[in-house]
Protein backbone atom coordinates (compact mmCIF):
# COMPACT_ATOMS: atom_id res chain seq x y z
CA UNK A 1 4.34 -1.47 13.61
CA UNK A 2 6.70 -3.13 11.24
CA UNK A 3 5.25 -6.02 9.22
CA UNK A 4 6.89 -8.27 6.58
CA UNK A 5 4.63 -10.14 4.18
CA UNK A 6 6.08 -13.44 2.85
CA UNK A 7 4.49 -15.51 0.13
CA UNK A 8 5.04 -16.55 -3.38
CA UNK A 9 3.97 -14.35 -6.30
CA UNK A 10 0.18 -14.31 -6.43
CA UNK A 11 -0.34 -15.14 -2.77
CA UNK A 12 -2.17 -11.84 -2.15
CA UNK A 13 0.55 -9.95 -0.37
CA UNK A 14 -0.25 -6.67 -2.15
CA UNK A 15 -3.97 -7.01 -1.76
CA UNK A 16 -3.80 -7.71 1.95
CA UNK A 17 -1.21 -4.84 2.46
CA UNK A 18 -3.58 -2.36 0.84
CA UNK A 19 -6.34 -3.43 3.23
CA UNK A 20 -4.07 -3.35 6.24
CA UNK A 21 -2.99 0.20 5.43
CA UNK A 22 -6.49 1.51 6.36
CA UNK A 23 -6.47 -0.42 9.64
CA UNK A 24 -2.94 0.43 10.87
CA UNK A 25 -2.54 3.82 9.08
CA UNK A 26 1.02 2.92 7.99
CA UNK A 27 2.34 2.92 4.50
CA UNK A 28 2.47 -0.12 2.20
CA UNK A 29 5.98 -0.42 0.78
CA UNK A 30 5.88 -2.51 -2.38
CA UNK A 31 9.45 -3.14 -3.49
CA UNK A 32 7.98 -4.45 -6.85
CA UNK A 33 6.32 -1.12 -7.44
CA UNK A 34 9.37 0.84 -6.36
CA UNK A 35 11.57 -1.22 -8.75
CA UNK A 36 9.16 -0.87 -11.52
CA UNK A 37 9.27 2.99 -11.04
CA UNK A 38 13.07 2.82 -11.39
CA UNK A 39 12.71 0.70 -14.55
CA UNK A 40 10.40 3.39 -16.12
CA UNK A 41 13.30 5.79 -15.94
CA UNK A 42 15.61 6.13 -18.96
CA UNK A 43 18.94 5.28 -17.27
CA UNK A 44 21.62 2.69 -17.25
CA UNK A 45 20.33 1.52 -13.75
CA UNK A 46 16.85 0.97 -15.19
CA UNK A 47 18.07 -1.15 -18.08
CA UNK A 48 20.40 -3.14 -15.71
CA UNK A 49 17.47 -3.68 -13.29
CA UNK A 50 15.08 -4.64 -16.17
CA UNK A 51 17.50 -7.40 -17.20
CA UNK A 52 16.93 -9.00 -13.75
CA UNK A 53 13.16 -8.42 -13.44
CA UNK A 54 12.20 -9.32 -16.99
CA UNK A 55 13.99 -12.72 -16.58
CA UNK A 56 11.98 -13.36 -13.42
CA UNK A 57 15.09 -12.98 -11.17
CA UNK A 58 15.47 -10.98 -8.02
CA UNK A 59 17.03 -7.53 -8.00
CA UNK A 60 20.45 -7.35 -6.19
CA UNK A 61 20.06 -7.37 -2.38
CA UNK A 62 21.96 -4.19 -1.56
CA UNK A 63 20.26 -2.16 -4.27
CA UNK A 64 16.80 -3.16 -2.89
CA UNK A 65 17.84 -2.37 0.61
CA UNK A 66 19.12 1.07 -0.45
CA UNK A 67 15.74 1.78 -2.05
CA UNK A 68 13.82 0.51 1.06
CA UNK A 69 16.10 2.44 3.52
CA UNK A 70 15.52 5.64 1.69
CA UNK A 71 11.78 5.18 1.93
CA UNK A 72 11.92 4.29 5.63
CA UNK A 73 13.66 7.58 6.35
CA UNK A 74 10.54 9.46 5.18
CA UNK A 75 8.13 10.98 7.78
CA UNK A 76 5.24 8.71 6.59
CA UNK A 77 7.17 5.69 7.76
CA UNK A 78 7.78 6.95 11.36
CA UNK A 79 4.84 4.97 12.71
CA UNK A 80 5.80 1.77 10.71
CA UNK A 81 5.57 0.06 7.42
CA UNK A 82 4.10 -2.89 5.62
CA UNK A 83 6.81 -4.65 3.57
CA UNK A 84 5.39 -6.32 0.46
CA UNK A 85 7.97 -8.14 -1.63
CA UNK A 86 10.85 -7.43 0.79
CA UNK A 87 12.85 -9.13 2.09
CA UNK A 88 13.06 -11.83 -0.47
CA UNK A 89 16.40 -13.38 0.54
CA UNK A 90 18.12 -14.10 3.83
CA UNK A 91 20.66 -11.46 3.05
CA UNK A 92 17.85 -8.85 2.55
CA UNK A 93 16.27 -10.00 5.84
CA UNK A 94 19.53 -9.59 7.66
CA UNK A 95 20.04 -6.18 6.10
CA UNK A 96 16.54 -5.15 7.19
CA UNK A 97 17.05 -6.44 10.66
CA UNK A 98 20.35 -4.54 10.99
CA UNK A 99 18.71 -1.34 9.69
CA UNK A 100 15.70 -1.64 11.96
CA UNK A 101 17.83 -2.47 15.10
CA UNK A 102 20.12 0.52 14.27
CA UNK A 103 17.02 2.72 14.20
CA UNK A 104 15.39 1.12 17.27
CA UNK A 105 12.44 -0.09 15.29
CA UNK A 106 12.45 -3.93 15.41
CA UNK A 107 10.25 -6.00 13.21
CA UNK A 108 6.94 -6.95 14.82
CA UNK A 109 5.72 -9.89 12.68
CA UNK A 110 6.35 -11.77 9.45
CA UNK A 111 3.04 -12.88 7.95
CA UNK A 112 3.43 -16.00 5.64
CA UNK A 113 0.64 -16.38 3.10
CA UNK A 114 0.59 -20.00 1.98
CA UNK A 115 -1.03 -20.90 -1.37
CA UNK A 116 -0.70 -24.03 -3.63
CA UNK A 117 1.23 -23.47 -6.78
CA UNK A 118 -1.64 -24.40 -9.18
CA UNK A 119 -3.77 -21.60 -7.60
CA UNK A 120 -0.88 -19.18 -7.88
CA UNK A 121 -0.26 -19.81 -11.61
CA UNK A 122 -4.03 -19.30 -12.20
CA UNK A 123 -4.05 -16.06 -10.20
CA UNK A 124 -0.98 -14.68 -11.88
CA UNK A 125 -2.11 -15.44 -15.44
CA UNK A 126 -5.47 -13.76 -14.60
CA UNK A 127 -3.62 -10.70 -13.14
CA UNK A 128 -1.50 -10.46 -16.32
CA UNK A 129 -4.64 -10.11 -18.44
CA UNK A 130 -6.26 -7.65 -16.16
CA UNK A 131 -3.23 -5.47 -15.41
CA UNK A 132 -1.38 -6.01 -18.68
CA UNK A 133 1.83 -6.97 -16.84
CA UNK A 134 4.35 -8.22 -19.29
CA UNK A 135 6.33 -9.90 -16.45
CA UNK A 136 3.38 -12.23 -15.75
CA UNK A 137 3.60 -14.84 -18.59
CA UNK A 138 3.67 -18.67 -18.02
CA UNK A 139 7.46 -19.03 -18.27
CA UNK A 140 8.29 -16.08 -16.11
CA UNK A 141 5.66 -17.19 -13.51
CA UNK A 142 7.32 -20.65 -13.26
CA UNK A 143 10.72 -18.98 -12.93
CA UNK A 144 9.47 -16.61 -10.17
CA UNK A 145 7.90 -19.58 -8.27
CA UNK A 146 11.21 -21.40 -8.52
CA UNK A 147 13.09 -18.31 -7.26
CA UNK A 148 10.59 -18.10 -4.37
CA UNK A 149 11.15 -21.76 -3.48
CA UNK A 150 14.89 -21.50 -3.56
CA UNK A 151 15.65 -17.96 -2.39
CA UNK A 152 12.60 -16.66 -0.42
CA UNK A 153 11.08 -19.64 1.32
CA UNK A 154 14.13 -19.93 3.71
CA UNK A 155 12.74 -16.68 5.25
CA UNK A 156 10.00 -18.88 6.78
CA UNK A 157 12.55 -20.71 8.91
CA UNK A 158 14.52 -17.50 9.50
CA UNK A 159 11.61 -15.62 11.09
CA UNK A 160 10.24 -18.81 12.77
CA UNK A 161 13.54 -19.04 14.64
CA UNK A 162 13.10 -15.38 15.75
CA UNK A 163 9.54 -16.12 16.95
CA UNK A 164 8.10 -13.66 14.55
CA UNK A 165 6.41 -15.92 11.97
CA UNK A 166 2.67 -16.23 11.63
CA UNK A 167 1.36 -18.45 8.82
CA UNK A 168 -2.04 -17.86 7.08
CA UNK A 169 -3.95 -19.98 4.54
CA UNK A 170 -3.81 -17.56 1.57
CA UNK A 171 -6.11 -19.77 -0.47
CA UNK A 172 -9.04 -18.69 1.64
CA UNK A 173 -11.31 -15.91 0.50
CA UNK A 174 -9.78 -12.40 0.51
CA UNK A 175 -12.04 -11.41 3.48
CA UNK A 176 -11.10 -14.47 5.55
CA UNK A 177 -7.43 -13.94 4.98
CA UNK A 178 -7.83 -10.31 6.15
CA UNK A 179 -9.76 -11.43 9.25
CA UNK A 180 -6.86 -13.84 10.02
CA UNK A 181 -4.37 -10.97 9.63
CA UNK A 182 -6.51 -8.57 11.73
CA UNK A 183 -6.61 -11.08 14.65
CA UNK A 184 -2.85 -11.52 14.61
CA UNK A 185 -2.25 -7.71 14.48
CA UNK A 186 -4.68 -7.00 17.22
CA UNK A 187 -3.08 -9.72 19.51
CA UNK A 188 0.35 -8.09 18.87
CA UNK A 189 -0.88 -4.59 19.53
CA UNK A 190 -2.44 -5.77 22.88
CA UNK A 191 0.93 -7.28 23.89
CA UNK A 192 2.78 -4.06 23.16
């Protein structure tokens, strides 16, 4: 099963992906974690990438797709994958669709976690304290939310037009959000 998670920073995409891994037995592909791993390397690429990420901007589309495609070719991704933080732009969604169609593995669903901005800012500032993430300060959070509104939220319409969008209230309890996700996944599996 191929599942895309859409939602602003702090909506709970990573949390829900980690829970869904156990249910579906497919890997959680967090492009944020993959990109941070590249940034920890001492290279020109890592410094170039850091200039985008540290400013709260998105990494270039084709670079992110190359990293994702490389991961999708691994044996662990043969049964499917949970995409967390990818795609983030229409171009990335089109690149992913092209890749998946070329490999006869179409996307099953795009799960849209909806959360009010006030709650998101609160969650992200709390996460910054707990995880020590330098990229989660107030100014960067506001920039990341603006980037989501302008560049990522068009994915909601993109996947809706394909009939693949399912929206979930991400402000609910973590358990209730997961129950909603489980019911969507189970319905899709019964259809297949």
